[in-house]
Amino acid sequence: FYRYREVFKTTSVITTFSLPHQHTMKHYKQLIQLFGTPNGLCSSITELKHVKAVKKPYQHTNKYRALGQMLLINQ
């Protein structure tokens, strides 16, 4: 992810990466120490975005150098 995310910035698909799940993971250890285990943690929002932005467009590519094709599909 970190290696390829620059493509999204340079093509102006997205200018910043502050995805909720990834951002929360930075603070996960500290939050568990302060508040205990997270009950009812739900990542369905980011999973839904992943399906729309990655999985479905990938299915419509010819699987060869798929990233460029996926970027065009997501425009």
Protein backbone atom coordinates (compact mmCIF):
# COMPACT_ATOMS: atom_id res chain seq x y z
CA PHE A 1 0.00 0.00 0.00
CA TYR A 2 2.62 2.54 1.04
CA ARG A 3 4.66 1.92 -2.10
CA TYR A 4 1.76 2.44 -4.51
CA ARG A 5 -0.19 5.16 -2.72
CA GLU A 6 1.86 7.88 -4.45
CA VAL A 7 0.12 6.99 -7.73
CA PHE A 8 -3.18 8.11 -6.25
CA LYS A 9 -1.67 11.43 -5.19
CA THR A 10 0.03 12.18 -8.51
CA THR A 11 -3.11 11.39 -10.51
CA SER A 12 -5.20 13.53 -8.11
CA VAL A 13 -7.53 10.64 -7.29
CA ILE A 14 -6.94 11.46 -3.64
CA THR A 15 -4.60 14.06 -2.19
CA THR A 16 -4.30 12.86 1.40
CA PHE A 17 -4.40 9.47 3.03
CA SER A 18 -6.09 9.68 6.37
CA LEU A 19 -8.25 6.61 6.17
CA PRO A 20 -10.04 6.04 9.49
CA HIS A 21 -8.91 2.46 10.03
CA GLN A 22 -5.28 3.15 9.15
CA HIS A 23 -5.18 6.30 11.22
CA THR A 24 -6.66 4.54 14.24
CA MET A 25 -4.04 1.79 14.02
CA LYS A 26 -1.36 4.37 14.85
CA HIS A 27 -2.98 4.91 18.24
CA TYR A 28 -4.22 1.37 18.85
CA LYS A 29 -1.63 0.29 21.42
CA GLN A 30 -1.96 3.46 23.48
CA LEU A 31 -5.78 3.37 23.38
CA ILE A 32 -5.84 -0.24 24.59
CA GLN A 33 -3.50 0.66 27.45
CA LEU A 34 -5.70 3.62 28.42
CA PHE A 35 -9.19 2.20 27.91
CA GLY A 36 -8.89 -1.59 27.63
CA THR A 37 -9.94 -3.82 24.75
CA PRO A 38 -12.15 -2.29 22.07
CA ASN A 39 -15.61 -3.83 22.14
CA GLY A 40 -17.67 -3.72 18.98
CA LEU A 41 -14.88 -2.40 16.77
CA CYS A 42 -16.27 -2.21 13.27
CA SER A 43 -14.26 -1.76 10.11
CA SER A 44 -17.14 -2.36 7.71
CA ILE A 45 -17.00 1.21 6.36
CA THR A 46 -13.42 0.88 5.17
CA GLU A 47 -14.09 -2.64 3.89
CA LEU A 48 -16.99 -1.33 1.80
CA LYS A 49 -14.77 1.42 0.36
CA HIS A 50 -12.11 -1.21 -0.46
CA VAL A 51 -14.65 -3.30 -2.36
CA LYS A 52 -15.85 -0.28 -4.37
CA ALA A 53 -12.41 1.21 -5.06
CA VAL A 54 -10.31 -1.94 -5.50
CA LYS A 55 -12.08 -5.28 -5.81
CA LYS A 56 -14.82 -4.37 -8.29
CA PRO A 57 -12.55 -2.31 -10.58
CA TYR A 58 -9.97 -5.14 -10.53
CA GLN A 59 -12.61 -7.56 -11.81
CA HIS A 60 -13.08 -5.31 -14.87
CA THR A 61 -9.39 -5.28 -15.81
CA ASN A 62 -7.48 -7.77 -17.92
CA LYS A 63 -5.24 -8.37 -14.83
CA TYR A 64 -2.11 -7.15 -16.66
CA ARG A 65 -0.75 -3.97 -15.07
CA ALA A 66 -4.11 -3.61 -13.41
CA LEU A 67 -3.35 -0.51 -11.32
CA GLY A 68 -3.46 1.88 -14.28
CA GLN A 69 -6.68 0.32 -15.52
CA MET A 70 -8.22 0.56 -12.06
CA LEU A 71 -7.34 4.24 -11.83
CA LEU A 72 -9.14 4.88 -15.12
CA ILE A 73 -12.18 2.92 -13.96
CA ASN A 74 -12.34 4.89 -10.69
CA GLN A 75 -12.29 8.29 -12.41
